[in-house]
Protein backbone atom coordinates (compact mmCIF):
# COMPACT_ATOMS: atom_id res chain seq x y z
CA MET A 1 44.51 21.97 -40.44
CA LEU A 2 43.75 23.70 -37.50
CA ASN A 3 43.69 19.92 -35.47
CA TYR A 4 46.99 19.00 -37.22
CA TYR A 5 48.53 22.19 -35.06
CA LEU A 6 46.93 21.21 -32.49
CA GLN A 7 48.44 17.69 -31.99
CA ILE A 8 51.49 19.15 -32.52
CA TRP A 9 51.40 21.66 -29.42
CA GLY A 10 50.10 18.59 -27.86
CA LEU A 11 46.78 20.65 -27.07
CA HIS A 12 43.01 18.76 -25.63
CA GLY A 13 39.98 20.84 -24.30
CA TRP A 14 40.98 22.10 -20.80
CA GLU A 15 44.44 23.79 -22.44
CA LEU A 16 42.58 25.54 -25.23
CA ILE A 17 39.65 26.90 -22.90
CA ILE A 18 42.88 28.26 -20.36
CA ILE A 19 44.33 29.55 -23.76
CA ALA A 20 41.26 31.63 -24.65
CA ALA A 21 40.36 32.72 -21.37
CA ILE A 22 44.62 34.05 -21.21
CA ILE A 23 44.04 35.74 -24.71
CA ILE A 24 40.52 37.46 -23.25
CA LEU A 25 42.04 39.00 -20.75
CA LEU A 26 44.99 40.25 -21.89
CA PHE A 27 43.01 41.93 -25.06
CA GLY A 28 39.98 41.94 -23.33
CA ALA A 29 36.72 40.72 -25.11
CA LYS A 30 35.56 44.33 -27.48
CA LYS A 31 39.70 43.60 -28.82
CA ILE A 32 39.52 39.99 -29.81
CA PRO A 33 37.85 40.48 -33.44
CA GLU A 34 39.83 43.06 -34.07
CA LEU A 35 43.30 41.26 -33.43
CA ALA A 36 41.32 38.46 -35.87
CA ARG A 37 40.57 41.09 -38.10
CA SER A 38 44.35 42.31 -37.89
CA LEU A 39 45.93 38.33 -38.44
CA GLY A 40 44.20 37.69 -41.38
CA ARG A 41 44.59 40.81 -43.27
CA ALA A 42 48.55 40.35 -42.41
CA LYS A 43 47.97 36.22 -43.69
CA ALA A 44 46.31 37.76 -47.06
CA GLU A 45 48.72 40.19 -47.42
CA PHE A 46 52.06 37.78 -46.99
CA LYS A 47 50.08 35.14 -48.82
CA ARG A 48 50.03 37.95 -51.66
CA GLY A 49 53.49 38.63 -50.90
CA GLN A 50 54.65 34.98 -51.50
CA GLU A 51 52.86 34.94 -54.45
CA GLU A 52 54.44 37.58 -56.18
CA VAL A 53 57.94 36.39 -55.29
CA GLU A 54 56.92 32.77 -57.10
CA GLU A 55 55.49 34.54 -60.56
CA ARG A 56 58.85 36.79 -60.47
CA VAL A 57 60.94 33.38 -59.94
CA ASP A 58 58.80 31.85 -62.46
CA LEU A 59 59.55 34.59 -65.35
CA ASP A 60 63.21 34.41 -64.65
CA LYS A 61 63.63 30.76 -64.81
CA GLU A 62 61.19 31.14 -68.55
CA LYS A 63 63.47 33.77 -69.51
CA LEU A 64 67.18 32.12 -68.34
CA GLU A 65 65.59 28.83 -70.46
CA LYS A 66 64.62 30.94 -73.66
CA LEU A 67 68.01 32.36 -73.43
CA ALA A 68 69.92 29.41 -72.71
CA LYS A 69 67.79 27.53 -76.10
CA GLU A 70 69.01 30.90 -78.11
CA LEU A 71 72.59 30.03 -76.97
CA GLY A 72 71.84 26.20 -77.55
CA ILE A 73 71.86 25.44 -74.56
CA ASN A 74 70.46 22.34 -73.11
CA THR A 75 68.15 23.05 -70.16
CA GLU A 76 66.32 19.95 -69.21
CA GLY A 77 66.62 18.93 -65.56
CA LYS A 78 69.10 21.90 -64.74
CA SER A 79 68.36 24.53 -62.16
CA PRO A 80 68.16 28.64 -63.13
CA GLU A 81 71.28 29.05 -60.51
CA ASP A 82 72.74 25.87 -63.45
CA LEU A 83 71.47 27.54 -66.65
CA ARG A 84 73.20 30.97 -65.15
CA LYS A 85 76.51 30.08 -65.12
CA GLU A 86 76.41 27.49 -68.26
CA ILE A 87 74.95 31.18 -69.92
CA GLN A 88 77.72 33.55 -68.32
CA LYS A 89 79.95 30.60 -69.75
CA ALA A 90 78.78 30.42 -73.24
CA LEU A 91 78.72 34.43 -73.48
CA GLY A 92 82.35 34.57 -72.25
CA LYS A 93 81.76 36.20 -69.07
C-alpha cells in the first residue's frame, strides 16, 4: 500500500531520506513517536466513525425496505432515495 502511494507521488530513495530529515528537523527525534501515535489514533477514530455511519446507512436502508414491503412496493434494484419517494407517494405526502 505504501509503495502504491509512493508511486503516485513519484518518490524514491533519496527523496524519502530528505523528507525524513526534514520531519526530524521540524519535530525533533523525540516528538516523532508521539506524532506517529497521534496519527494512528486519529486514523483509528476516523475508521470507527466511518463504520458507524455505514452501520446507520445499512440500518436505514433495511427500515426503508421493510416499510416499502409492508406498503406493497417492489424494492428490487431501487436506491434508498427511490424508496423514500415511493413511500411518500404511497402515504400521500
